[in-house]
Amino acid sequence: MLDFGEKRKHKRVDLNIPLQYRQLHGDKKITGTLTRNLSEGGVKFKTDQFVSLACRMIIEVVLPEEIKPIKAIAKVAWIKKLSAGDNYEIGNQFLDMTKEDKHLISSYVRKAAEQGLETPEF
């Protein structure tokens, strides 16, 4: 039997909370959507806009029980066209954020994983 082990660097939790993003360069339009999952290393969300691979963007997300949004500069790591409609799933890798915001995400993900909200690895 093969054991592939955990390939993810960071635990992810399923989470549907409001997220806003805009491109760092070019179109500065702010777009709102919902997260699909979140980790200390990045976020996955669904959108009706195509965003190019490696595009840099500014992401803001408000974690439950937090008042101030977490802000990060992120890079599109992958994009997948969904079969239904003109929607895409986008996986983003966080490139830069404050230590405080990183700590807030890390704490939230750890607590959520303890409650069984961790995204299973397939």
N, C-alpha and C. Protein backbone atom coordinates (compact mmCIF):
# COMPACT_ATOMS: atom_id res chain seq x y z
N MET A 1 0.85 -1.19 0.00
CA MET A 1 0.00 0.00 0.00
C MET A 1 0.89 1.24 0.00
N LEU A 2 0.57 2.18 -0.84
CA LEU A 2 1.33 3.42 -0.93
C LEU A 2 0.84 4.43 0.09
N ASP A 3 1.76 5.15 0.71
CA ASP A 3 1.40 6.21 1.66
C ASP A 3 1.95 7.52 1.10
N PHE A 4 1.06 8.33 0.58
CA PHE A 4 1.49 9.59 -0.02
C PHE A 4 1.67 10.67 1.03
N GLY A 5 1.05 10.52 2.20
CA GLY A 5 1.22 11.49 3.28
C GLY A 5 0.58 12.83 2.96
N GLU A 6 0.68 13.73 3.88
CA GLU A 6 0.14 15.08 3.74
C GLU A 6 1.02 15.90 2.83
N LYS A 7 0.45 16.42 1.77
CA LYS A 7 1.21 17.22 0.81
C LYS A 7 1.07 18.71 1.07
N ARG A 8 0.03 19.10 1.77
CA ARG A 8 -0.18 20.51 2.03
C ARG A 8 0.74 21.01 3.11
N LYS A 9 1.22 22.21 2.90
CA LYS A 9 2.11 22.84 3.87
C LYS A 9 1.31 23.38 5.06
N HIS A 10 0.08 23.87 4.79
CA HIS A 10 -0.76 24.46 5.83
C HIS A 10 -2.12 23.78 5.85
N LYS A 11 -2.69 23.63 7.06
CA LYS A 11 -4.06 23.12 7.18
C LYS A 11 -5.02 24.13 6.57
N ARG A 12 -6.07 23.62 5.94
CA ARG A 12 -7.11 24.45 5.36
C ARG A 12 -8.42 24.14 6.06
N VAL A 13 -9.24 25.18 6.20
CA VAL A 13 -10.57 24.98 6.76
C VAL A 13 -11.61 25.49 5.78
N ASP A 14 -12.70 24.73 5.68
CA ASP A 14 -13.81 25.18 4.84
C ASP A 14 -14.43 26.38 5.53
N LEU A 15 -14.63 27.43 4.77
CA LEU A 15 -15.09 28.68 5.35
C LEU A 15 -15.75 29.52 4.27
N ASN A 16 -16.97 29.93 4.49
CA ASN A 16 -17.69 30.78 3.54
C ASN A 16 -17.94 32.13 4.19
N ILE A 17 -16.98 33.03 4.05
CA ILE A 17 -17.11 34.37 4.61
C ILE A 17 -16.80 35.38 3.51
N PRO A 18 -17.31 36.60 3.66
CA PRO A 18 -17.07 37.62 2.62
C PRO A 18 -15.59 37.91 2.42
N LEU A 19 -15.25 38.10 1.16
CA LEU A 19 -13.88 38.43 0.75
C LEU A 19 -13.98 39.49 -0.33
N GLN A 20 -13.07 40.45 -0.29
CA GLN A 20 -12.96 41.44 -1.35
C GLN A 20 -11.55 41.35 -1.93
N TYR A 21 -11.47 41.52 -3.24
CA TYR A 21 -10.16 41.52 -3.87
C TYR A 21 -10.12 42.53 -5.00
N ARG A 22 -8.91 42.96 -5.30
CA ARG A 22 -8.67 43.80 -6.47
C ARG A 22 -7.26 43.52 -6.94
N GLN A 23 -7.04 43.73 -8.23
CA GLN A 23 -5.71 43.50 -8.78
C GLN A 23 -4.75 44.55 -8.26
N LEU A 24 -3.54 44.15 -8.01
CA LEU A 24 -2.52 45.08 -7.53
C LEU A 24 -2.12 46.05 -8.62
N HIS A 25 -2.06 45.57 -9.85
CA HIS A 25 -1.74 46.41 -11.01
C HIS A 25 -2.87 46.28 -12.02
N GLY A 26 -3.08 47.30 -12.80
CA GLY A 26 -4.14 47.24 -13.82
C GLY A 26 -5.48 47.64 -13.25
N ASP A 27 -6.50 46.83 -13.53
CA ASP A 27 -7.88 47.12 -13.11
C ASP A 27 -7.97 47.18 -11.58
N LYS A 28 -8.38 48.31 -11.05
CA LYS A 28 -8.45 48.50 -9.60
C LYS A 28 -9.85 48.26 -9.05
N LYS A 29 -10.74 47.69 -9.88
CA LYS A 29 -12.12 47.42 -9.46
C LYS A 29 -12.12 46.44 -8.28
N ILE A 30 -12.87 46.78 -7.23
CA ILE A 30 -12.99 45.90 -6.07
C ILE A 30 -14.14 44.93 -6.34
N THR A 31 -13.86 43.65 -6.14
CA THR A 31 -14.85 42.60 -6.37
C THR A 31 -15.10 41.86 -5.07
N GLY A 32 -16.36 41.58 -4.79
CA GLY A 32 -16.72 40.84 -3.59
C GLY A 32 -17.14 39.42 -3.93
N THR A 33 -16.84 38.50 -3.06
CA THR A 33 -17.20 37.10 -3.23
C THR A 33 -17.17 36.43 -1.86
N LEU A 34 -17.21 35.11 -1.84
CA LEU A 34 -17.10 34.34 -0.60
C LEU A 34 -15.90 33.41 -0.68
N THR A 35 -15.26 33.21 0.46
CA THR A 35 -14.17 32.24 0.51
C THR A 35 -14.75 30.84 0.37
N ARG A 36 -13.93 29.91 -0.08
CA ARG A 36 -14.29 28.48 -0.10
C ARG A 36 -13.52 27.76 0.99
N ASN A 37 -12.23 28.10 1.11
CA ASN A 37 -11.44 27.62 2.23
C ASN A 37 -10.30 28.59 2.48
N LEU A 38 -9.68 28.44 3.65
CA LEU A 38 -8.66 29.38 4.10
C LEU A 38 -7.57 28.62 4.83
N SER A 39 -6.34 29.08 4.64
CA SER A 39 -5.22 28.54 5.41
C SER A 39 -4.27 29.68 5.70
N GLU A 40 -3.27 29.39 6.50
CA GLU A 40 -2.25 30.40 6.79
C GLU A 40 -1.48 30.78 5.52
N GLY A 41 -1.48 29.89 4.54
CA GLY A 41 -0.73 30.13 3.32
C GLY A 41 -1.51 30.70 2.16
N GLY A 42 -2.87 30.71 2.27
CA GLY A 42 -3.63 31.22 1.15
C GLY A 42 -5.13 31.04 1.32
N VAL A 43 -5.85 31.36 0.26
CA VAL A 43 -7.30 31.31 0.29
C VAL A 43 -7.82 30.85 -1.08
N LYS A 44 -8.91 30.11 -1.06
CA LYS A 44 -9.58 29.71 -2.29
C LYS A 44 -10.94 30.39 -2.31
N PHE A 45 -11.31 30.94 -3.47
CA PHE A 45 -12.63 31.55 -3.60
C PHE A 45 -13.18 31.34 -5.00
N LYS A 46 -14.48 31.60 -5.12
CA LYS A 46 -15.18 31.46 -6.39
C LYS A 46 -15.49 32.85 -6.92
N THR A 47 -15.36 33.03 -8.23
CA THR A 47 -15.65 34.32 -8.84
C THR A 47 -16.20 34.12 -10.25
N ASP A 48 -16.85 35.14 -10.76
CA ASP A 48 -17.35 35.07 -12.14
C ASP A 48 -16.40 35.77 -13.10
N GLN A 49 -15.23 36.17 -12.61
CA GLN A 49 -14.23 36.86 -13.45
C GLN A 49 -13.01 35.97 -13.65
N PHE A 50 -12.51 35.94 -14.88
CA PHE A 50 -11.26 35.25 -15.12
C PHE A 50 -10.12 36.14 -14.62
N VAL A 51 -9.22 35.55 -13.88
CA VAL A 51 -8.04 36.26 -13.39
C VAL A 51 -6.83 35.46 -13.85
N SER A 52 -5.85 36.12 -14.42
CA SER A 52 -4.71 35.39 -14.98
C SER A 52 -3.83 34.79 -13.89
N LEU A 53 -3.23 33.68 -14.24
CA LEU A 53 -2.30 32.98 -13.37
C LEU A 53 -1.16 33.91 -12.99
N ALA A 54 -0.74 33.86 -11.76
CA ALA A 54 0.35 34.66 -11.20
C ALA A 54 -0.02 36.14 -11.01
N CYS A 55 -1.27 36.50 -11.27
CA CYS A 55 -1.72 37.87 -11.03
C CYS A 55 -1.59 38.19 -9.54
N ARG A 56 -1.07 39.36 -9.23
CA ARG A 56 -0.97 39.81 -7.85
C ARG A 56 -2.24 40.57 -7.49
N MET A 57 -2.76 40.32 -6.30
CA MET A 57 -3.97 41.01 -5.87
C MET A 57 -3.92 41.33 -4.39
N ILE A 58 -4.75 42.30 -4.02
CA ILE A 58 -4.92 42.65 -2.62
C ILE A 58 -6.22 42.00 -2.17
N ILE A 59 -6.14 41.22 -1.11
CA ILE A 59 -7.28 40.49 -0.59
C ILE A 59 -7.60 40.99 0.81
N GLU A 60 -8.89 41.19 1.07
CA GLU A 60 -9.35 41.55 2.41
C GLU A 60 -10.43 40.57 2.83
N VAL A 61 -10.28 40.04 4.04
CA VAL A 61 -11.25 39.09 4.55
C VAL A 61 -11.48 39.42 6.03
N VAL A 62 -12.73 39.33 6.47
CA VAL A 62 -13.03 39.56 7.88
C VAL A 62 -13.37 38.22 8.51
N LEU A 63 -12.48 37.76 9.38
CA LEU A 63 -12.73 36.49 10.07
C LEU A 63 -13.88 36.63 11.05
N PRO A 64 -14.63 35.55 11.27
CA PRO A 64 -15.68 35.61 12.28
C PRO A 64 -15.10 36.06 13.62
N GLU A 65 -15.83 36.89 14.31
CA GLU A 65 -15.46 37.43 15.62
C GLU A 65 -14.35 38.47 15.56
N GLU A 66 -13.94 38.88 14.37
CA GLU A 66 -12.95 39.94 14.23
C GLU A 66 -13.64 41.16 13.62
N ILE A 67 -13.18 42.32 13.97
CA ILE A 67 -13.75 43.56 13.45
C ILE A 67 -12.96 44.07 12.26
N LYS A 68 -11.66 44.07 12.39
CA LYS A 68 -10.76 44.60 11.37
C LYS A 68 -10.50 43.54 10.31
N PRO A 69 -10.56 43.91 9.04
CA PRO A 69 -10.26 42.92 8.00
C PRO A 69 -8.78 42.55 7.96
N ILE A 70 -8.54 41.32 7.59
CA ILE A 70 -7.17 40.86 7.35
C ILE A 70 -6.85 41.23 5.92
N LYS A 71 -5.70 41.86 5.73
CA LYS A 71 -5.29 42.27 4.39
C LYS A 71 -4.02 41.52 4.01
N ALA A 72 -3.98 41.13 2.74
CA ALA A 72 -2.81 40.42 2.25
C ALA A 72 -2.59 40.72 0.78
N ILE A 73 -1.34 40.68 0.40
CA ILE A 73 -1.01 40.65 -1.02
C ILE A 73 -0.86 39.18 -1.36
N ALA A 74 -1.55 38.76 -2.42
CA ALA A 74 -1.56 37.35 -2.80
C ALA A 74 -1.28 37.20 -4.28
N LYS A 75 -0.91 35.98 -4.64
CA LYS A 75 -0.64 35.64 -6.04
C LYS A 75 -1.56 34.49 -6.43
N VAL A 76 -2.18 34.59 -7.61
CA VAL A 76 -3.01 33.50 -8.11
C VAL A 76 -2.10 32.32 -8.40
N ALA A 77 -2.30 31.22 -7.65
CA ALA A 77 -1.48 30.02 -7.81
C ALA A 77 -2.10 29.07 -8.83
N TRP A 78 -3.45 29.06 -8.90
CA TRP A 78 -4.15 28.23 -9.87
C TRP A 78 -5.55 28.80 -10.09
N ILE A 79 -6.10 28.47 -11.24
CA ILE A 79 -7.46 28.88 -11.57
C ILE A 79 -8.13 27.73 -12.31
N LYS A 80 -9.39 27.47 -11.96
CA LYS A 80 -10.11 26.35 -12.56
C LYS A 80 -11.49 26.82 -12.99
N LYS A 81 -11.85 26.58 -14.24
CA LYS A 81 -13.18 26.90 -14.75
C LYS A 81 -14.15 25.87 -14.20
N LEU A 82 -15.23 26.33 -13.60
CA LEU A 82 -16.25 25.42 -13.07
C LEU A 82 -17.19 25.00 -14.19
N SER A 83 -17.72 23.80 -14.08
CA SER A 83 -18.55 23.25 -15.16
C SER A 83 -19.89 23.98 -15.31
N ALA A 84 -20.40 24.51 -14.22
CA ALA A 84 -21.69 25.20 -14.27
C ALA A 84 -21.49 26.71 -14.40
N GLY A 85 -22.03 27.29 -15.46
CA GLY A 85 -21.97 28.74 -15.62
C GLY A 85 -20.60 29.27 -15.99
N ASP A 86 -20.46 30.56 -15.82
CA ASP A 86 -19.19 31.23 -16.14
C ASP A 86 -18.44 31.58 -14.87
N ASN A 87 -18.24 30.59 -14.02
CA ASN A 87 -17.56 30.81 -12.76
C ASN A 87 -16.22 30.09 -12.72
N TYR A 88 -15.36 30.60 -11.86
CA TYR A 88 -14.02 30.05 -11.68
C TYR A 88 -13.74 29.87 -10.19
N GLU A 89 -12.93 28.89 -9.87
CA GLU A 89 -12.36 28.77 -8.54
C GLU A 89 -10.92 29.23 -8.65
N ILE A 90 -10.51 30.04 -7.71
CA ILE A 90 -9.16 30.59 -7.74
C ILE A 90 -8.46 30.26 -6.44
N GLY A 91 -7.26 29.72 -6.54
CA GLY A 91 -6.43 29.45 -5.38
C GLY A 91 -5.34 30.51 -5.31
N ASN A 92 -5.25 31.17 -4.17
CA ASN A 92 -4.27 32.24 -3.99
C ASN A 92 -3.27 31.89 -2.91
N GLN A 93 -2.04 32.25 -3.15
CA GLN A 93 -0.97 32.09 -2.16
C GLN A 93 -0.68 33.46 -1.56
N PHE A 94 -0.72 33.55 -0.23
CA PHE A 94 -0.38 34.81 0.42
C PHE A 94 1.11 35.07 0.26
N LEU A 95 1.43 36.29 -0.16
CA LEU A 95 2.83 36.69 -0.32
C LEU A 95 3.28 37.61 0.80
N ASP A 96 2.38 38.49 1.26
CA ASP A 96 2.76 39.47 2.27
C ASP A 96 1.56 39.88 3.09
N MET A 97 1.75 39.93 4.41
CA MET A 97 0.73 40.43 5.34
C MET A 97 1.43 40.73 6.66
N THR A 98 0.75 41.47 7.51
CA THR A 98 1.36 41.81 8.79
C THR A 98 1.47 40.56 9.66
N LYS A 99 2.38 40.60 10.61
CA LYS A 99 2.53 39.47 11.54
C LYS A 99 1.25 39.26 12.33
N GLU A 100 0.59 40.36 12.69
CA GLU A 100 -0.66 40.28 13.44
C GLU A 100 -1.72 39.55 12.63
N ASP A 101 -1.87 39.89 11.34
CA ASP A 101 -2.86 39.23 10.50
C ASP A 101 -2.53 37.76 10.30
N LYS A 102 -1.26 37.45 10.12
CA LYS A 102 -0.84 36.05 9.96
C LYS A 102 -1.17 35.26 11.22
N HIS A 103 -0.94 35.88 12.38
CA HIS A 103 -1.26 35.22 13.65
C HIS A 103 -2.77 34.99 13.78
N LEU A 104 -3.58 35.97 13.38
CA LEU A 104 -5.04 35.83 13.46
C LEU A 104 -5.52 34.67 12.59
N ILE A 105 -5.00 34.58 11.37
CA ILE A 105 -5.39 33.48 10.48
C ILE A 105 -4.95 32.14 11.07
N SER A 106 -3.71 32.07 11.52
CA SER A 106 -3.17 30.84 12.09
C SER A 106 -4.01 30.36 13.27
N SER A 107 -4.35 31.28 14.17
CA SER A 107 -5.16 30.93 15.35
C SER A 107 -6.54 30.47 14.94
N TYR A 108 -7.15 31.19 13.99
CA TYR A 108 -8.49 30.83 13.55
C TYR A 108 -8.50 29.45 12.90
N VAL A 109 -7.55 29.19 12.01
CA VAL A 109 -7.49 27.91 11.31
C VAL A 109 -7.26 26.77 12.31
N ARG A 110 -6.37 26.98 13.27
CA ARG A 110 -6.09 25.95 14.27
C ARG A 110 -7.36 25.61 15.07
N LYS A 111 -8.09 26.65 15.52
CA LYS A 111 -9.32 26.42 16.29
C LYS A 111 -10.39 25.74 15.44
N ALA A 112 -10.53 26.17 14.20
CA ALA A 112 -11.53 25.59 13.30
C ALA A 112 -11.20 24.13 12.99
N ALA A 113 -9.92 23.82 12.82
CA ALA A 113 -9.50 22.44 12.56
C ALA A 113 -9.82 21.55 13.76
N GLU A 114 -9.64 22.09 14.96
CA GLU A 114 -9.97 21.34 16.17
C GLU A 114 -11.47 21.05 16.26
N GLN A 115 -12.29 21.89 15.63
CA GLN A 115 -13.74 21.70 15.62
C GLN A 115 -14.19 20.84 14.45
N GLY A 116 -13.24 20.31 13.68
CA GLY A 116 -13.58 19.42 12.59
C GLY A 116 -13.91 20.09 11.28
N LEU A 117 -13.52 21.35 11.10
CA LEU A 117 -13.81 22.06 9.85
C LEU A 117 -12.67 21.96 8.85
N GLU A 118 -11.64 21.19 9.17
CA GLU A 118 -10.50 21.07 8.27
C GLU A 118 -10.92 20.45 6.94
N THR A 119 -10.39 21.01 5.84
CA THR A 119 -10.69 20.51 4.51
C THR A 119 -9.96 19.19 4.31
N PRO A 120 -10.67 18.10 3.95
CA PRO A 120 -10.00 16.82 3.75
C PRO A 120 -9.08 16.84 2.53
N GLU A 121 -8.01 16.09 2.60
CA GLU A 121 -7.06 15.97 1.47
C GLU A 121 -7.51 14.82 0.60
N PHE A 122 -7.57 15.05 -0.70
CA PHE A 122 -7.95 13.97 -1.64
C PHE A 122 -6.79 13.62 -2.50
